[in-house]
C-alpha atoms as a PDB file:
ATOM      1  CA  UNK A   1     108.371 105.448  88.482  1.00  0.00           C
ATOM      2  CA  UNK A   2     106.932 103.833  91.982  1.00  0.00           C
ATOM      3  CA  UNK A   3     105.776 100.782  91.882  1.00  0.00           C
ATOM      4  CA  UNK A   4     102.388  99.454  93.737  1.00  0.00           C
ATOM      5  CA  UNK A   5     102.175  96.290  95.620  1.00  0.00           C
ATOM      6  CA  UNK A   6      98.924  94.160  96.821  1.00  0.00           C
ATOM      7  CA  UNK A   7      97.735  95.272 100.212  1.00  0.00           C
ATOM      8  CA  UNK A   8      97.511  93.612 103.160  1.00  0.00           C
ATOM      9  CA  UNK A   9      93.891  92.673 103.985  1.00  0.00           C
ATOM     10  CA  UNK A  10      92.835  92.320 107.632  1.00  0.00           C
ATOM     11  CA  UNK A  11      89.001  90.818 107.612  1.00  0.00           C
ATOM     12  CA  UNK A  12      86.934  91.301 110.535  1.00  0.00           C
ATOM     13  CA  UNK A  13      83.851  89.109 112.054  1.00  0.00           C
ATOM     14  CA  UNK A  14      81.341  89.566 114.583  1.00  0.00           C
ATOM     15  CA  UNK A  15      80.852  86.011 116.212  1.00  0.00           C
ATOM     16  CA  UNK A  16      76.911  86.519 115.343  1.00  0.00           C
ATOM     17  CA  UNK A  17      78.588  85.453 111.749  1.00  0.00           C
ATOM     18  CA  UNK A  18      78.719  82.080 112.510  1.00  0.00           C
ATOM     19  CA  UNK A  19      76.499  80.677 110.442  1.00  0.00           C
ATOM     20  CA  UNK A  20      75.465  76.724 110.277  1.00  0.00           C
ATOM     21  CA  UNK A  21      76.144  76.663 106.225  1.00  0.00           C
ATOM     22  CA  UNK A  22      79.731  77.691 107.000  1.00  0.00           C
ATOM     23  CA  UNK A  23      80.538  74.397 108.298  1.00  0.00           C
ATOM     24  CA  UNK A  24      79.882  72.751 105.049  1.00  0.00           C
ATOM     25  CA  UNK A  25      83.460  74.541 103.488  1.00  0.00           C
ATOM     26  CA  UNK A  26      85.384  73.104 106.434  1.00  0.00           C
ATOM     27  CA  UNK A  27      87.331  69.863 105.533  1.00  0.00           C
ATOM     28  CA  UNK A  28      86.821  66.576 107.760  1.00  0.00           C
ATOM     29  CA  UNK A  29      89.738  67.329 110.120  1.00  0.00           C
ATOM     30  CA  UNK A  30      88.529  70.933 111.141  1.00  0.00           C
ATOM     31  CA  UNK A  31      85.103  69.293 111.506  1.00  0.00           C
ATOM     32  CA  UNK A  32      86.142  67.217 114.419  1.00  0.00           C
ATOM     33  CA  UNK A  33      88.150  69.648 115.942  1.00  0.00           C
ATOM     34  CA  UNK A  34      85.269  71.894 115.967  1.00  0.00           C
ATOM     35  CA  UNK A  35      82.980  69.366 117.625  1.00  0.00           C
ATOM     36  CA  UNK A  36      85.766  68.714 120.154  1.00  0.00           C
ATOM     37  CA  UNK A  37      84.831  72.423 121.676  1.00  0.00           C
ATOM     38  CA  UNK A  38      82.391  72.155 124.446  1.00  0.00           C
ATOM     39  CA  UNK A  39      81.198  76.094 123.812  1.00  0.00           C
ATOM     40  CA  UNK A  40      79.121  76.858 121.153  1.00  0.00           C
ATOM     41  CA  UNK A  41      81.400  80.621 121.045  1.00  0.00           C
ATOM     42  CA  UNK A  42      84.363  78.391 120.641  1.00  0.00           C
ATOM     43  CA  UNK A  43      83.146  76.341 118.025  1.00  0.00           C
ATOM     44  CA  UNK A  44      81.429  79.602 116.648  1.00  0.00           C
ATOM     45  CA  UNK A  45      84.434  81.515 117.066  1.00  0.00           C
ATOM     46  CA  UNK A  46      86.526  78.404 115.345  1.00  0.00           C
ATOM     47  CA  UNK A  47      84.148  78.411 112.677  1.00  0.00           C
ATOM     48  CA  UNK A  48      84.532  82.153 111.531  1.00  0.00           C
ATOM     49  CA  UNK A  49      88.273  81.938 111.765  1.00  0.00           C
ATOM     50  CA  UNK A  50      88.393  78.517 109.291  1.00  0.00           C
ATOM     51  CA  UNK A  51      85.957  79.847 107.028  1.00  0.00           C
ATOM     52  CA  UNK A  52      87.484  83.484 106.939  1.00  0.00           C
ATOM     53  CA  UNK A  53      90.828  81.672 105.868  1.00  0.00           C
ATOM     54  CA  UNK A  54      89.462  79.536 103.304  1.00  0.00           C
ATOM     55  CA  UNK A  55      87.221  82.429 101.678  1.00  0.00           C
ATOM     56  CA  UNK A  56      90.330  84.674 101.715  1.00  0.00           C
ATOM     57  CA  UNK A  57      92.533  82.581 100.291  1.00  0.00           C
ATOM     58  CA  UNK A  58      90.200  81.186  98.043  1.00  0.00           C
ATOM     59  CA  UNK A  59      89.850  84.942  96.301  1.00  0.00           C
ATOM     60  CA  UNK A  60      93.140  85.068  95.774  1.00  0.00           C
ATOM     61  CA  UNK A  61      94.092  81.499  94.700  1.00  0.00           C
ATOM     62  CA  UNK A  62      91.090  81.288  92.193  1.00  0.00           C
ATOM     63  CA  UNK A  63      89.573  78.380  94.256  1.00  0.00           C
ATOM     64  CA  UNK A  64      86.401  77.571  95.916  1.00  0.00           C
ATOM     65  CA  UNK A  65      87.099  77.655  99.809  1.00  0.00           C
ATOM     66  CA  UNK A  66      86.203  74.088 100.241  1.00  0.00           C
ATOM     67  CA  UNK A  67      89.111  73.128  97.746  1.00  0.00           C
ATOM     68  CA  UNK A  68      92.151  75.190  99.392  1.00  0.00           C
ATOM     69  CA  UNK A  69      94.031  72.551 101.142  1.00  0.00           C
ATOM     70  CA  UNK A  70      95.286  74.136 104.503  1.00  0.00           C
ATOM     71  CA  UNK A  71      98.091  72.378 106.244  1.00  0.00           C
ATOM     72  CA  UNK A  72      97.924  73.606 110.108  1.00  0.00           C
ATOM     73  CA  UNK A  73     100.608  71.082 111.351  1.00  0.00           C
ATOM     74  CA  UNK A  74     102.347  72.162 114.607  1.00  0.00           C
ATOM     75  CA  UNK A  75     106.371  71.840 114.025  1.00  0.00           C
ATOM     76  CA  UNK A  76     106.657  70.832 117.569  1.00  0.00           C
ATOM     77  CA  UNK A  77     103.742  68.184 118.047  1.00  0.00           C
ATOM     78  CA  UNK A  78     102.859  67.755 114.424  1.00  0.00           C
ATOM     79  CA  UNK A  79      98.950  67.890 115.856  1.00  0.00           C
ATOM     80  CA  UNK A  80      96.921  70.283 113.169  1.00  0.00           C
ATOM     81  CA  UNK A  81      96.345  73.132 115.480  1.00  0.00           C
ATOM     82  CA  UNK A  82      99.682  75.160 114.193  1.00  0.00           C
ATOM     83  CA  UNK A  83      99.504  78.276 112.017  1.00  0.00           C
ATOM     84  CA  UNK A  84      97.635  77.930 108.886  1.00  0.00           C
ATOM     85  CA  UNK A  85      99.479  77.859 105.688  1.00  0.00           C
ATOM     86  CA  UNK A  86      98.594  76.352 102.071  1.00  0.00           C
ATOM     87  CA  UNK A  87      99.503  72.783 102.052  1.00  0.00           C
ATOM     88  CA  UNK A  88     102.470  72.516  99.466  1.00  0.00           C
ATOM     89  CA  UNK A  89     102.039  76.047  98.203  1.00  0.00           C
ATOM     90  CA  UNK A  90     105.326  77.912 100.083  1.00  0.00           C
ATOM     91  CA  UNK A  91     104.447  80.892  97.202  1.00  0.00           C
ATOM     92  CA  UNK A  92     100.865  81.109  98.412  1.00  0.00           C
ATOM     93  CA  UNK A  93      99.715  84.102 100.540  1.00  0.00           C
ATOM     94  CA  UNK A  94     100.639  83.836 103.893  1.00  0.00           C
ATOM     95  CA  UNK A  95      97.598  84.058 106.922  1.00  0.00           C
ATOM     96  CA  UNK A  96      97.340  84.630 110.551  1.00  0.00           C
ATOM     97  CA  UNK A  97      94.106  84.135 112.755  1.00  0.00           C
ATOM     98  CA  UNK A  98      93.113  85.687 116.163  1.00  0.00           C
ATOM     99  CA  UNK A  99      89.842  85.971 117.842  1.00  0.00           C
ATOM    100  CA  UNK A 100      88.628  87.224 121.042  1.00  0.00           C
ATOM    101  CA  UNK A 101      85.229  87.669 122.663  1.00  0.00           C
ATOM    102  CA  UNK A 102      82.893  88.063 120.069  1.00  0.00           C
ATOM    103  CA  UNK A 103      85.734  89.291 117.468  1.00  0.00           C
ATOM    104  CA  UNK A 104      87.500  87.271 114.736  1.00  0.00           C
ATOM    105  CA  UNK A 105      89.930  88.441 112.388  1.00  0.00           C
ATOM    106  CA  UNK A 106      91.738  87.058 109.770  1.00  0.00           C
ATOM    107  CA  UNK A 107      94.911  88.539 107.994  1.00  0.00           C
ATOM    108  CA  UNK A 108      96.305  87.631 104.509  1.00  0.00           C
ATOM    109  CA  UNK A 109      99.441  88.915 102.850  1.00  0.00           C
ATOM    110  CA  UNK A 110     100.953  88.125  99.390  1.00  0.00           C
ATOM    111  CA  UNK A 111     104.293  89.563 100.897  1.00  0.00           C
ATOM    112  CA  UNK A 112     105.565  87.510 103.321  1.00  0.00           C
ATOM    113  CA  UNK A 113     105.005  86.221 107.299  1.00  0.00           C
ATOM    114  CA  UNK A 114     102.509  88.340 109.515  1.00  0.00           C
ATOM    115  CA  UNK A 115     101.221  88.643 112.711  1.00  0.00           C
ATOM    116  CA  UNK A 116      97.458  89.373 114.058  1.00  0.00           C
ATOM    117  CA  UNK A 117      96.644  89.665 117.627  1.00  0.00           C
ATOM    118  CA  UNK A 118      93.011  90.961 118.843  1.00  0.00           C
ATOM    119  CA  UNK A 119      92.164  91.043 122.494  1.00  0.00           C
ATOM    120  CA  UNK A 120      88.969  91.891 124.335  1.00  0.00           C
ATOM    121  CA  UNK A 121      89.462  94.493 127.070  1.00  0.00           C
ATOM    122  CA  UNK A 122      88.857  92.676 130.326  1.00  0.00           C
ATOM    123  CA  UNK A 123      90.210  92.409 133.488  1.00  0.00           C
ATOM    124  CA  UNK A 124      93.066  90.292 133.449  1.00  0.00           C
ATOM    125  CA  UNK A 125      94.906  88.724 136.685  1.00  0.00           C
ATOM    126  CA  UNK A 126      97.238  90.861 138.736  1.00  0.00           C
ATOM    127  CA  UNK A 127     100.248  89.134 137.671  1.00  0.00           C
ATOM    128  CA  UNK A 128      99.903  89.017 134.497  1.00  0.00           C
ATOM    129  CA  UNK A 129     101.906  92.226 133.870  1.00  0.00           C
ATOM    130  CA  UNK A 130     104.671  90.560 134.790  1.00  0.00           C
ATOM    131  CA  UNK A 131     104.407  88.046 132.153  1.00  0.00           C
ATOM    132  CA  UNK A 132     104.140  91.146 129.514  1.00  0.00           C
ATOM    133  CA  UNK A 133     106.215  94.041 130.194  1.00  0.00           C
ATOM    134  CA  UNK A 134     110.000  94.275 129.784  1.00  0.00           C
ATOM    135  CA  UNK A 135     112.140  96.218 132.298  1.00  0.00           C
ATOM    136  CA  UNK A 136     111.427  99.489 132.081  1.00  0.00           C
ATOM    137  CA  UNK A 137     107.693  99.227 130.337  1.00  0.00           C
ATOM    138  CA  UNK A 138     104.888 100.551 132.065  1.00  0.00           C
ATOM    139  CA  UNK A 139     101.168 100.214 131.772  1.00  0.00           C
ATOM    140  CA  UNK A 140      98.715 102.097 134.251  1.00  0.00           C
ATOM    141  CA  UNK A 141      95.514 100.641 132.915  1.00  0.00           C
ATOM    142  CA  UNK A 142      94.306  97.417 131.627  1.00  0.00           C
ATOM    143  CA  UNK A 143      93.706  98.956 128.114  1.00  0.00           C
ATOM    144  CA  UNK A 144      97.434 100.433 128.034  1.00  0.00           C
ATOM    145  CA  UNK A 145      98.531  96.991 128.792  1.00  0.00           C
ATOM    146  CA  UNK A 146      96.561  94.853 126.867  1.00  0.00           C
ATOM    147  CA  UNK A 147      98.388  97.269 123.919  1.00  0.00           C
ATOM    148  CA  UNK A 148     101.441  96.126 124.996  1.00  0.00           C
ATOM    149  CA  UNK A 149     100.182  92.469 124.816  1.00  0.00           C
ATOM    150  CA  UNK A 150      98.752  92.705 120.997  1.00  0.00           C
ATOM    151  CA  UNK A 151     101.945  94.128 119.446  1.00  0.00           C
ATOM    152  CA  UNK A 152     104.090  91.909 121.146  1.00  0.00           C
ATOM    153  CA  UNK A 153     101.948  88.314 120.585  1.00  0.00           C
ATOM    154  CA  UNK A 154     101.568  89.943 116.889  1.00  0.00           C
ATOM    155  CA  UNK A 155     105.154  90.357 116.187  1.00  0.00           C
ATOM    156  CA  UNK A 156     105.827  86.494 117.976  1.00  0.00           C
ATOM    157  CA  UNK A 157     103.053  85.062 115.859  1.00  0.00           C
ATOM    158  CA  UNK A 158     105.019  86.908 112.788  1.00  0.00           C
ATOM    159  CA  UNK A 159     108.162  85.049 113.630  1.00  0.00           C
ATOM    160  CA  UNK A 160     106.143  82.070 114.273  1.00  0.00           C
ATOM    161  CA  UNK A 161     107.757  81.806 117.675  1.00  0.00           C
ATOM    162  CA  UNK A 162     104.172  81.972 119.612  1.00  0.00           C
ATOM    163  CA  UNK A 163     104.379  81.955 123.152  1.00  0.00           C
ATOM    164  CA  UNK A 164     107.473  79.794 122.902  1.00  0.00           C
ATOM    165  CA  UNK A 165     109.743  83.514 123.270  1.00  0.00           C
ATOM    166  CA  UNK A 166     108.647  85.225 126.375  1.00  0.00           C
ATOM    167  CA  UNK A 167     107.193  88.419 125.768  1.00  0.00           C
ATOM    168  CA  UNK A 168     109.555  90.511 128.150  1.00  0.00           C
ATOM    169  CA  UNK A 169     112.255  89.829 125.710  1.00  0.00           C
ATOM    170  CA  UNK A 170     110.720  92.552 123.303  1.00  0.00           C
ATOM    171  CA  UNK A 171     110.563  96.305 123.877  1.00  0.00           C
ATOM    172  CA  UNK A 172     107.527  97.968 121.906  1.00  0.00           C
ATOM    173  CA  UNK A 173     106.700 101.645 122.190  1.00  0.00           C
ATOM    174  CA  UNK A 174     103.537 102.124 124.175  1.00  0.00           C
ATOM    175  CA  UNK A 175      99.804 103.037 123.856  1.00  0.00           C
ATOM    176  CA  UNK A 176      99.354 106.511 122.654  1.00  0.00           C
ATOM    177  CA  UNK A 177     102.830 106.297 120.565  1.00  0.00           C
ATOM    178  CA  UNK A 178     103.256 104.869 116.803  1.00  0.00           C
ATOM    179  CA  UNK A 179     103.370 101.323 117.121  1.00  0.00           C
ATOM    180  CA  UNK A 180     106.982 100.137 116.957  1.00  0.00           C
ATOM    181  CA  UNK A 181     109.632  97.280 117.824  1.00  0.00           C
ATOM    182  CA  UNK A 182     111.963  98.622 119.882  1.00  0.00           C
ATOM    183  CA  UNK A 183     114.298  96.074 120.750  1.00  0.00           C
ATOM    184  CA  UNK A 184     114.416  91.797 120.809  1.00  0.00           C
ATOM    185  CA  UNK A 185     116.798  90.681 123.435  1.00  0.00           C
ATOM    186  CA  UNK A 186     119.136  88.353 121.434  1.00  0.00           C
ATOM    187  CA  UNK A 187     117.863  89.489 117.279  1.00  0.00           C
ATOM    188  CA  UNK A 188     119.506  92.827 117.256  1.00  0.00           C
ATOM    189  CA  UNK A 189     118.276  93.218 113.444  1.00  0.00           C
ATOM    190  CA  UNK A 190     114.351  92.350 114.151  1.00  0.00           C
ATOM    191  CA  UNK A 191     113.704  96.081 114.940  1.00  0.00           C
ATOM    192  CA  UNK A 192     114.432  96.950 110.976  1.00  0.00           C
ATOM    193  CA  UNK A 193     112.382  94.120 110.029  1.00  0.00           C
ATOM    194  CA  UNK A 194     109.200  94.939 111.143  1.00  0.00           C
ATOM    195  CA  UNK A 195     106.429  97.361 110.696  1.00  0.00           C
ATOM    196  CA  UNK A 196     103.437  97.281 113.284  1.00  0.00           C
ATOM    197  CA  UNK A 197      99.993  98.689 112.311  1.00  0.00           C
ATOM    198  CA  UNK A 198      97.470  99.526 114.555  1.00  0.00           C
ATOM    199  CA  UNK A 199      93.962  98.264 113.914  1.00  0.00           C
ATOM    200  CA  UNK A 200      90.742  99.025 114.723  1.00  0.00           C
ATOM    201  CA  UNK A 201      88.740  96.196 115.646  1.00  0.00           C
ATOM    202  CA  UNK A 202      86.170  97.958 117.544  1.00  0.00           C
ATOM    203  CA  UNK A 203      85.093  99.337 120.819  1.00  0.00           C
ATOM    204  CA  UNK A 204      86.122  97.573 123.707  1.00  0.00           C
ATOM    205  CA  UNK A 205      89.177  95.754 121.668  1.00  0.00           C
ATOM    206  CA  UNK A 206      92.894  95.997 120.958  1.00  0.00           C
ATOM    207  CA  UNK A 207      94.263  94.818 117.877  1.00  0.00           C
ATOM    208  CA  UNK A 208      98.003  95.459 115.992  1.00  0.00           C
ATOM    209  CA  UNK A 209      99.387  93.473 112.855  1.00  0.00           C
ATOM    210  CA  UNK A 210     102.898  92.788 112.254  1.00  0.00           C
ATOM    211  CA  UNK A 211     104.908  92.605 108.789  1.00  0.00           C
ATOM    212  CA  UNK A 212     107.940  90.515 108.482  1.00  0.00           C
ATOM    213  CA  UNK A 213     110.624  91.704 105.493  1.00  0.00           C
ATOM    214  CA  UNK A 214     107.484  93.132 103.774  1.00  0.00           C
ATOM    215  CA  UNK A 215     108.177  96.132 100.866  1.00  0.00           C
ATOM    216  CA  UNK A 216     107.701  99.541 102.220  1.00  0.00           C
ATOM    217  CA  UNK A 217     104.885 101.099 101.373  1.00  0.00           C
ATOM    218  CA  UNK A 218     102.383  98.159 101.755  1.00  0.00           C
ATOM    219  CA  UNK A 219      98.863  99.228 102.782  1.00  0.00           C
ATOM    220  CA  UNK A 220      96.478  97.772 105.030  1.00  0.00           C
ATOM    221  CA  UNK A 221      93.009  97.328 104.493  1.00  0.00           C
ATOM    222  CA  UNK A 222      90.849  96.453 107.264  1.00  0.00           C
ATOM    223  CA  UNK A 223      87.301  95.080 105.412  1.00  0.00           C
ATOM    224  CA  UNK A 224      84.286  93.529 106.964  1.00  0.00           C
ATOM    225  CA  UNK A 225      83.445  89.843 106.665  1.00  0.00           C
ATOM    226  CA  UNK A 226      80.573  91.093 104.935  1.00  0.00           C
ATOM    227  CA  UNK A 227      82.295  91.382 102.122  1.00  0.00           C
ATOM    228  CA  UNK A 228      83.754  88.105 101.736  1.00  0.00           C
ATOM    229  CA  UNK A 229      81.189  85.560 103.240  1.00  0.00           C
ATOM    230  CA  UNK A 230      78.287  84.359 101.381  1.00  0.00           C
END
């Protein structure tokens, strides 16, 4: 008999959803970090990322969002800008946050590590392809380049490496093909451990979700923030 497993959920918000009332769920450290942003757009993206994280985790843990203790300590410098996790709860659902332009996404999984990346389609520096593409990979347009970018950054966020590992060490399938990790230099076992999902964040954006060591058949649900936020 097939055993059902909880889905992975990706919550999508638009920047206009950042109402002043959402700041009430931020803790003092988060509020201080929010105030250090100079632009309204950056404050709004940060507020929504925190609020979505708190409401999503609170819903799964049976806690009010403001009572979810989130640890963001960076493993390198211990400052609070690392990947979010529930403090003292290694068994708690895992989270990945990404935002670009007016789109903010939070992915939550009860099954293991995951990485989410969203990028707005925009003009990029002429030399950026050299920082993204591996030998043999080609992208004819910015949109195709951002497919490689979001696939690789999602994978790097899932392992916790972030941009400490150069993207050209990873090879993925190109735009128009099923998203897959084809090779990771020095980590031959990784292609068999990952599942990649192409997401639908809306026109003008590219987004991918990487699931590491998840059970087979895990569904990915994409939902609007209006289903979660007050």
